[in-house]
Amino acid sequence: MRIYLDVCCLSRPFDDLSQDRIHLEAEAILSIISRCENMGWILLSSGAIDFEILRVPNIEKYGSVSELYTVAKEHHSLSQNMIDRAKELHHFGIKHLDSLHIAIAESAKVDVFLTTDDKLVNAAKRANIGILVANPVTWLMEVDYND
């Protein structure tokens, strides 16, 4: 299983877990990370993720997200084709950095791009995206159900 987690996902376990949704998403993400460590799932990293993590304003959260991110074993750098694809995706209302993430994930042929951003999931449905874009809780429930 090849997985791309956006920075919203990587940050989720370190957010305020008092809200049920945030707590569930954090648990799903930690379960996915565990499967990457123990079950052979592959978490991808990218220059876009590296850049975005550097922008985490809280130093403690930055350290925690950076440590969690070390599970990623396959790194993908940006290419001109990815940048061009990101520009196409931006026309569907997808933010610039999110467009880059999706373009990288598409190029890497991931099985799933996971995000906690509902607007991004909905925008991805409108765009012609060659990969699955989903919320980690929903996706993990489906994976577990089908196993």
N, C-alpha and C. Protein backbone atom coordinates (compact mmCIF):
# COMPACT_ATOMS: atom_id res chain seq x y z
N MET A 1 0.85 -1.17 0.00
CA MET A 1 0.00 0.00 0.00
C MET A 1 0.90 1.23 0.00
N ARG A 2 0.73 2.10 -0.98
CA ARG A 2 1.50 3.33 -1.10
C ARG A 2 0.61 4.51 -0.71
N ILE A 3 1.06 5.26 0.28
CA ILE A 3 0.22 6.29 0.90
C ILE A 3 0.94 7.64 0.93
N TYR A 4 0.17 8.69 0.61
CA TYR A 4 0.66 10.06 0.72
C TYR A 4 -0.24 10.75 1.74
N LEU A 5 0.34 11.17 2.85
CA LEU A 5 -0.38 11.93 3.88
C LEU A 5 -0.01 13.40 3.72
N ASP A 6 -1.01 14.27 3.63
CA ASP A 6 -0.66 15.68 3.59
C ASP A 6 -0.30 16.14 5.01
N VAL A 7 0.15 17.37 5.11
CA VAL A 7 0.64 17.86 6.41
C VAL A 7 -0.50 18.03 7.42
N CYS A 8 -1.71 18.25 6.94
CA CYS A 8 -2.86 18.26 7.86
C CYS A 8 -2.95 16.93 8.59
N CYS A 9 -2.75 15.84 7.85
CA CYS A 9 -2.79 14.51 8.46
C CYS A 9 -1.62 14.31 9.41
N LEU A 10 -0.42 14.66 8.96
CA LEU A 10 0.75 14.47 9.79
C LEU A 10 0.67 15.28 11.09
N SER A 11 -0.04 16.40 11.04
CA SER A 11 -0.18 17.26 12.22
C SER A 11 -1.33 16.83 13.13
N ARG A 12 -2.30 16.11 12.60
CA ARG A 12 -3.52 15.81 13.34
C ARG A 12 -3.29 15.15 14.70
N PRO A 13 -2.37 14.20 14.87
CA PRO A 13 -2.20 13.61 16.20
C PRO A 13 -1.72 14.60 17.26
N PHE A 14 -1.29 15.78 16.83
CA PHE A 14 -0.76 16.77 17.76
C PHE A 14 -1.68 17.97 17.91
N ASP A 15 -2.90 17.86 17.37
CA ASP A 15 -3.92 18.89 17.51
C ASP A 15 -4.68 18.66 18.82
N ASP A 16 -5.58 19.57 19.15
CA ASP A 16 -6.45 19.43 20.32
C ASP A 16 -7.41 18.27 20.07
N LEU A 17 -7.27 17.20 20.81
CA LEU A 17 -8.04 15.98 20.59
C LEU A 17 -9.37 15.95 21.33
N SER A 18 -9.80 17.09 21.84
CA SER A 18 -11.05 17.10 22.61
C SER A 18 -12.29 16.97 21.72
N GLN A 19 -12.17 17.28 20.44
CA GLN A 19 -13.30 17.10 19.51
C GLN A 19 -13.25 15.68 18.95
N ASP A 20 -14.42 15.05 18.89
CA ASP A 20 -14.49 13.65 18.47
C ASP A 20 -13.88 13.43 17.09
N ARG A 21 -14.20 14.27 16.14
CA ARG A 21 -13.67 14.09 14.79
C ARG A 21 -12.15 14.13 14.78
N ILE A 22 -11.58 15.11 15.43
CA ILE A 22 -10.13 15.26 15.47
C ILE A 22 -9.50 14.05 16.15
N HIS A 23 -10.10 13.59 17.21
CA HIS A 23 -9.59 12.41 17.92
C HIS A 23 -9.62 11.17 17.01
N LEU A 24 -10.73 10.96 16.31
CA LEU A 24 -10.84 9.81 15.40
C LEU A 24 -9.82 9.89 14.27
N GLU A 25 -9.66 11.07 13.69
CA GLU A 25 -8.69 11.24 12.62
C GLU A 25 -7.27 10.98 13.12
N ALA A 26 -6.96 11.47 14.31
CA ALA A 26 -5.63 11.25 14.88
C ALA A 26 -5.37 9.76 15.07
N GLU A 27 -6.35 9.04 15.60
CA GLU A 27 -6.20 7.59 15.81
C GLU A 27 -6.03 6.85 14.49
N ALA A 28 -6.79 7.24 13.48
CA ALA A 28 -6.67 6.60 12.16
C ALA A 28 -5.28 6.84 11.58
N ILE A 29 -4.79 8.05 11.70
CA ILE A 29 -3.46 8.38 11.17
C ILE A 29 -2.38 7.62 11.91
N LEU A 30 -2.48 7.52 13.22
CA LEU A 30 -1.49 6.76 13.97
C LEU A 30 -1.53 5.27 13.61
N SER A 31 -2.72 4.77 13.33
CA SER A 31 -2.85 3.38 12.88
C SER A 31 -2.19 3.20 11.51
N ILE A 32 -2.38 4.14 10.62
CA ILE A 32 -1.77 4.07 9.29
C ILE A 32 -0.24 4.13 9.41
N ILE A 33 0.25 5.03 10.24
CA ILE A 33 1.70 5.14 10.46
C ILE A 33 2.24 3.82 11.02
N SER A 34 1.53 3.23 11.95
CA SER A 34 1.94 1.95 12.53
C SER A 34 2.01 0.87 11.45
N ARG A 35 1.05 0.86 10.56
CA ARG A 35 1.06 -0.13 9.47
C ARG A 35 2.23 0.12 8.51
N CYS A 36 2.61 1.37 8.37
CA CYS A 36 3.79 1.67 7.55
C CYS A 36 5.05 1.13 8.22
N GLU A 37 5.09 1.20 9.52
CA GLU A 37 6.26 0.71 10.26
C GLU A 37 6.29 -0.81 10.35
N ASN A 38 5.12 -1.44 10.46
CA ASN A 38 5.08 -2.86 10.81
C ASN A 38 4.50 -3.80 9.76
N MET A 39 3.80 -3.26 8.77
CA MET A 39 3.10 -4.14 7.83
C MET A 39 3.52 -3.91 6.38
N GLY A 40 4.56 -3.15 6.17
CA GLY A 40 5.06 -2.97 4.83
C GLY A 40 4.37 -1.91 3.98
N TRP A 41 3.43 -1.16 4.57
CA TRP A 41 2.85 -0.06 3.82
C TRP A 41 3.94 0.99 3.62
N ILE A 42 3.86 1.73 2.53
CA ILE A 42 4.89 2.71 2.20
C ILE A 42 4.32 4.12 2.31
N LEU A 43 4.92 4.90 3.19
CA LEU A 43 4.55 6.30 3.33
C LEU A 43 5.53 7.12 2.49
N LEU A 44 5.01 7.95 1.60
CA LEU A 44 5.85 8.75 0.74
C LEU A 44 6.13 10.11 1.36
N SER A 45 7.29 10.63 1.04
CA SER A 45 7.64 11.99 1.42
C SER A 45 7.89 12.78 0.13
N SER A 46 7.92 14.08 0.27
CA SER A 46 8.14 14.93 -0.90
C SER A 46 8.75 16.26 -0.48
N GLY A 47 9.30 16.94 -1.47
CA GLY A 47 9.81 18.29 -1.21
C GLY A 47 8.72 19.23 -0.76
N ALA A 48 7.49 19.02 -1.27
CA ALA A 48 6.36 19.88 -0.87
C ALA A 48 6.01 19.66 0.61
N ILE A 49 6.05 18.42 1.05
CA ILE A 49 5.78 18.13 2.48
C ILE A 49 6.90 18.73 3.32
N ASP A 50 8.15 18.51 2.89
CA ASP A 50 9.29 19.07 3.63
C ASP A 50 9.10 20.58 3.83
N PHE A 51 8.76 21.28 2.75
CA PHE A 51 8.56 22.73 2.79
C PHE A 51 7.44 23.10 3.75
N GLU A 52 6.33 22.38 3.67
CA GLU A 52 5.18 22.72 4.49
C GLU A 52 5.44 22.45 5.98
N ILE A 53 6.15 21.38 6.27
CA ILE A 53 6.48 21.09 7.67
C ILE A 53 7.37 22.19 8.25
N LEU A 54 8.27 22.70 7.43
CA LEU A 54 9.14 23.80 7.91
C LEU A 54 8.34 25.03 8.31
N ARG A 55 7.12 25.15 7.79
CA ARG A 55 6.27 26.31 8.08
C ARG A 55 5.39 26.12 9.31
N VAL A 56 5.47 24.95 9.98
CA VAL A 56 4.68 24.74 11.20
C VAL A 56 5.18 25.73 12.25
N PRO A 57 4.30 26.64 12.73
CA PRO A 57 4.77 27.74 13.58
C PRO A 57 5.13 27.33 15.01
N ASN A 58 4.48 26.32 15.54
CA ASN A 58 4.74 25.90 16.91
C ASN A 58 5.93 24.95 16.92
N ILE A 59 6.98 25.29 17.64
CA ILE A 59 8.23 24.52 17.62
C ILE A 59 8.03 23.10 18.16
N GLU A 60 7.19 22.94 19.18
CA GLU A 60 6.94 21.60 19.71
C GLU A 60 6.19 20.74 18.69
N LYS A 61 5.18 21.33 18.08
CA LYS A 61 4.42 20.61 17.07
C LYS A 61 5.31 20.30 15.87
N TYR A 62 6.14 21.25 15.47
CA TYR A 62 7.08 21.03 14.38
C TYR A 62 7.95 19.79 14.66
N GLY A 63 8.49 19.71 15.88
CA GLY A 63 9.34 18.58 16.26
C GLY A 63 8.58 17.26 16.22
N SER A 64 7.35 17.28 16.72
CA SER A 64 6.53 16.06 16.75
C SER A 64 6.16 15.61 15.33
N VAL A 65 5.76 16.55 14.50
CA VAL A 65 5.40 16.22 13.11
C VAL A 65 6.63 15.71 12.37
N SER A 66 7.77 16.35 12.56
CA SER A 66 9.01 15.94 11.91
C SER A 66 9.39 14.52 12.31
N GLU A 67 9.24 14.21 13.58
CA GLU A 67 9.57 12.86 14.05
C GLU A 67 8.61 11.82 13.46
N LEU A 68 7.33 12.12 13.43
CA LEU A 68 6.36 11.21 12.85
C LEU A 68 6.66 10.97 11.37
N TYR A 69 7.09 12.01 10.70
CA TYR A 69 7.37 11.98 9.27
C TYR A 69 8.57 11.10 8.91
N THR A 70 9.40 10.78 9.88
CA THR A 70 10.58 9.94 9.60
C THR A 70 10.19 8.54 9.15
N VAL A 71 8.95 8.17 9.33
CA VAL A 71 8.47 6.86 8.87
C VAL A 71 8.48 6.78 7.35
N ALA A 72 8.37 7.93 6.69
CA ALA A 72 8.36 7.96 5.22
C ALA A 72 9.71 7.48 4.70
N LYS A 73 9.66 6.54 3.78
CA LYS A 73 10.89 5.92 3.28
C LYS A 73 11.16 6.18 1.80
N GLU A 74 10.20 6.77 1.11
CA GLU A 74 10.37 7.00 -0.33
C GLU A 74 10.13 8.47 -0.62
N HIS A 75 11.17 9.16 -1.09
CA HIS A 75 11.09 10.61 -1.29
C HIS A 75 10.90 10.94 -2.77
N HIS A 76 10.03 11.91 -3.04
CA HIS A 76 9.77 12.36 -4.41
C HIS A 76 10.02 13.86 -4.51
N SER A 77 10.89 14.21 -5.44
CA SER A 77 11.20 15.62 -5.71
C SER A 77 10.27 16.14 -6.79
N LEU A 78 10.14 17.44 -6.84
CA LEU A 78 9.29 18.08 -7.86
C LEU A 78 9.94 18.03 -9.23
N SER A 79 9.12 17.83 -10.23
CA SER A 79 9.57 17.91 -11.62
C SER A 79 8.71 18.95 -12.33
N GLN A 80 9.12 19.35 -13.51
CA GLN A 80 8.34 20.32 -14.26
C GLN A 80 6.96 19.75 -14.61
N ASN A 81 6.88 18.45 -14.91
CA ASN A 81 5.58 17.83 -15.20
C ASN A 81 4.64 17.94 -14.01
N MET A 82 5.18 17.76 -12.81
CA MET A 82 4.35 17.87 -11.60
C MET A 82 3.87 19.31 -11.41
N ILE A 83 4.74 20.25 -11.65
CA ILE A 83 4.37 21.66 -11.52
C ILE A 83 3.28 22.01 -12.54
N ASP A 84 3.43 21.54 -13.76
CA ASP A 84 2.40 21.77 -14.79
C ASP A 84 1.07 21.15 -14.39
N ARG A 85 1.12 19.93 -13.85
CA ARG A 85 -0.10 19.25 -13.41
C ARG A 85 -0.74 20.02 -12.25
N ALA A 86 0.07 20.52 -11.35
CA ALA A 86 -0.45 21.29 -10.21
C ALA A 86 -1.19 22.53 -10.70
N LYS A 87 -0.67 23.16 -11.75
CA LYS A 87 -1.35 24.33 -12.32
C LYS A 87 -2.72 23.94 -12.87
N GLU A 88 -2.81 22.77 -13.51
CA GLU A 88 -4.10 22.29 -14.02
C GLU A 88 -5.07 22.07 -12.86
N LEU A 89 -4.59 21.44 -11.81
CA LEU A 89 -5.45 21.13 -10.65
C LEU A 89 -5.93 22.39 -9.96
N HIS A 90 -5.11 23.43 -9.98
CA HIS A 90 -5.49 24.69 -9.34
C HIS A 90 -6.76 25.27 -9.97
N HIS A 91 -6.98 25.00 -11.23
CA HIS A 91 -8.19 25.51 -11.92
C HIS A 91 -9.47 24.88 -11.39
N PHE A 92 -9.35 23.80 -10.63
CA PHE A 92 -10.52 23.15 -10.03
C PHE A 92 -10.78 23.66 -8.61
N GLY A 93 -10.11 24.73 -8.24
CA GLY A 93 -10.31 25.30 -6.91
C GLY A 93 -9.43 24.68 -5.85
N ILE A 94 -8.41 23.95 -6.25
CA ILE A 94 -7.49 23.33 -5.30
C ILE A 94 -6.34 24.32 -5.06
N LYS A 95 -6.04 24.57 -3.79
CA LYS A 95 -4.99 25.52 -3.44
C LYS A 95 -3.65 25.08 -4.04
N HIS A 96 -2.75 26.06 -4.20
CA HIS A 96 -1.48 25.80 -4.87
C HIS A 96 -0.68 24.66 -4.22
N LEU A 97 -0.47 24.72 -2.93
CA LEU A 97 0.34 23.69 -2.28
C LEU A 97 -0.36 22.34 -2.31
N ASP A 98 -1.67 22.33 -2.12
CA ASP A 98 -2.43 21.07 -2.22
C ASP A 98 -2.33 20.50 -3.63
N SER A 99 -2.36 21.37 -4.63
CA SER A 99 -2.21 20.93 -6.02
C SER A 99 -0.86 20.25 -6.23
N LEU A 100 0.18 20.82 -5.64
CA LEU A 100 1.50 20.20 -5.74
C LEU A 100 1.52 18.82 -5.08
N HIS A 101 0.93 18.74 -3.90
CA HIS A 101 0.87 17.45 -3.20
C HIS A 101 0.18 16.40 -4.08
N ILE A 102 -0.95 16.75 -4.64
CA ILE A 102 -1.70 15.79 -5.46
C ILE A 102 -0.91 15.43 -6.71
N ALA A 103 -0.28 16.40 -7.34
CA ALA A 103 0.52 16.12 -8.54
C ALA A 103 1.67 15.16 -8.23
N ILE A 104 2.30 15.35 -7.09
CA ILE A 104 3.38 14.44 -6.68
C ILE A 104 2.82 13.05 -6.41
N ALA A 105 1.71 12.99 -5.69
CA ALA A 105 1.10 11.70 -5.37
C ALA A 105 0.66 10.96 -6.63
N GLU A 106 0.10 11.69 -7.58
CA GLU A 106 -0.28 11.07 -8.86
C GLU A 106 0.95 10.51 -9.56
N SER A 107 1.99 11.30 -9.65
CA SER A 107 3.22 10.89 -10.33
C SER A 107 3.84 9.67 -9.66
N ALA A 108 3.73 9.60 -8.35
CA ALA A 108 4.29 8.47 -7.58
C ALA A 108 3.38 7.24 -7.61
N LYS A 109 2.22 7.40 -8.22
CA LYS A 109 1.25 6.31 -8.34
C LYS A 109 0.88 5.70 -6.97
N VAL A 110 0.51 6.59 -6.06
CA VAL A 110 0.09 6.13 -4.74
C VAL A 110 -1.27 5.45 -4.83
N ASP A 111 -1.56 4.64 -3.84
CA ASP A 111 -2.89 4.03 -3.76
C ASP A 111 -3.90 5.01 -3.21
N VAL A 112 -3.43 5.91 -2.33
CA VAL A 112 -4.35 6.87 -1.74
C VAL A 112 -3.60 8.11 -1.27
N PHE A 113 -4.25 9.25 -1.45
CA PHE A 113 -3.80 10.53 -0.92
C PHE A 113 -4.76 10.86 0.20
N LEU A 114 -4.26 10.98 1.42
CA LEU A 114 -5.13 11.21 2.58
C LEU A 114 -5.00 12.63 3.08
N THR A 115 -6.15 13.20 3.42
CA THR A 115 -6.22 14.56 3.95
C THR A 115 -7.40 14.67 4.91
N THR A 116 -7.28 15.55 5.87
CA THR A 116 -8.41 15.84 6.77
C THR A 116 -9.19 17.05 6.29
N ASP A 117 -8.81 17.60 5.15
CA ASP A 117 -9.42 18.79 4.57
C ASP A 117 -10.61 18.40 3.69
N ASP A 118 -11.83 18.59 4.20
CA ASP A 118 -13.03 18.23 3.45
C ASP A 118 -13.14 18.98 2.13
N LYS A 119 -12.74 20.25 2.11
CA LYS A 119 -12.80 21.03 0.87
C LYS A 119 -11.89 20.43 -0.19
N LEU A 120 -10.74 19.95 0.21
CA LEU A 120 -9.82 19.33 -0.73
C LEU A 120 -10.38 18.01 -1.26
N VAL A 121 -10.98 17.21 -0.40
CA VAL A 121 -11.60 15.96 -0.84
C VAL A 121 -12.69 16.25 -1.87
N ASN A 122 -13.53 17.25 -1.59
CA ASN A 122 -14.61 17.60 -2.51
C ASN A 122 -14.09 18.18 -3.83
N ALA A 123 -13.07 19.02 -3.75
CA ALA A 123 -12.49 19.59 -4.97
C ALA A 123 -11.85 18.50 -5.81
N ALA A 124 -11.24 17.53 -5.16
CA ALA A 124 -10.62 16.41 -5.89
C ALA A 124 -11.66 15.60 -6.64
N LYS A 125 -12.86 15.51 -6.10
CA LYS A 125 -13.92 14.79 -6.79
C LYS A 125 -14.32 15.49 -8.08
N ARG A 126 -14.24 16.83 -8.09
CA ARG A 126 -14.58 17.62 -9.29
C ARG A 126 -13.48 17.57 -10.34
N ALA A 127 -12.25 17.38 -9.90
CA ALA A 127 -11.11 17.37 -10.81
C ALA A 127 -10.90 15.96 -11.38
N ASN A 128 -10.18 15.89 -12.43
CA ASN A 128 -9.86 14.59 -13.04
C ASN A 128 -8.56 14.08 -12.43
N ILE A 129 -8.69 13.53 -11.23
CA ILE A 129 -7.51 13.08 -10.49
C ILE A 129 -7.37 11.58 -10.65
N GLY A 130 -6.15 11.15 -10.92
CA GLY A 130 -5.88 9.74 -11.19
C GLY A 130 -5.64 8.88 -9.98
N ILE A 131 -5.89 9.43 -8.79
CA ILE A 131 -5.70 8.67 -7.55
C ILE A 131 -6.89 8.92 -6.62
N LEU A 132 -7.02 8.07 -5.64
CA LEU A 132 -8.07 8.25 -4.63
C LEU A 132 -7.63 9.32 -3.63
N VAL A 133 -8.51 10.28 -3.37
CA VAL A 133 -8.29 11.31 -2.35
C VAL A 133 -9.38 11.10 -1.30
N ALA A 134 -8.97 10.89 -0.04
CA ALA A 134 -9.95 10.52 0.98
C ALA A 134 -9.54 11.01 2.35
N ASN A 135 -10.52 11.00 3.24
CA ASN A 135 -10.30 11.25 4.66
C ASN A 135 -9.72 9.97 5.27
N PRO A 136 -8.75 10.07 6.17
CA PRO A 136 -8.11 8.87 6.72
C PRO A 136 -9.06 7.95 7.49
N VAL A 137 -10.04 8.49 8.18
CA VAL A 137 -10.97 7.65 8.94
C VAL A 137 -11.82 6.82 7.98
N THR A 138 -12.42 7.48 7.03
CA THR A 138 -13.27 6.79 6.05
C THR A 138 -12.49 5.74 5.29
N TRP A 139 -11.32 6.13 4.82
CA TRP A 139 -10.51 5.21 4.03
C TRP A 139 -10.06 3.99 4.85
N LEU A 140 -9.59 4.22 6.07
CA LEU A 140 -9.12 3.11 6.90
C LEU A 140 -10.25 2.16 7.24
N MET A 141 -11.45 2.70 7.48
CA MET A 141 -12.60 1.84 7.75
C MET A 141 -12.89 0.95 6.54
N GLU A 142 -12.80 1.51 5.34
CA GLU A 142 -13.02 0.72 4.13
C GLU A 142 -11.95 -0.35 3.95
N VAL A 143 -10.71 0.00 4.20
CA VAL A 143 -9.61 -0.95 4.08
C VAL A 143 -9.80 -2.09 5.08
N ASP A 144 -10.11 -1.76 6.31
CA ASP A 144 -10.31 -2.79 7.33
C ASP A 144 -11.50 -3.67 7.01
N TYR A 145 -12.56 -3.09 6.47
CA TYR A 145 -13.77 -3.84 6.11
C TYR A 145 -13.47 -4.83 5.00
N ASN A 146 -12.65 -4.40 4.03
CA ASN A 146 -12.36 -5.25 2.89
C ASN A 146 -11.28 -6.31 3.16
N ASP A 147 -10.60 -6.21 4.29
CA ASP A 147 -9.56 -7.22 4.63
C ASP A 147 -10.12 -8.46 5.22
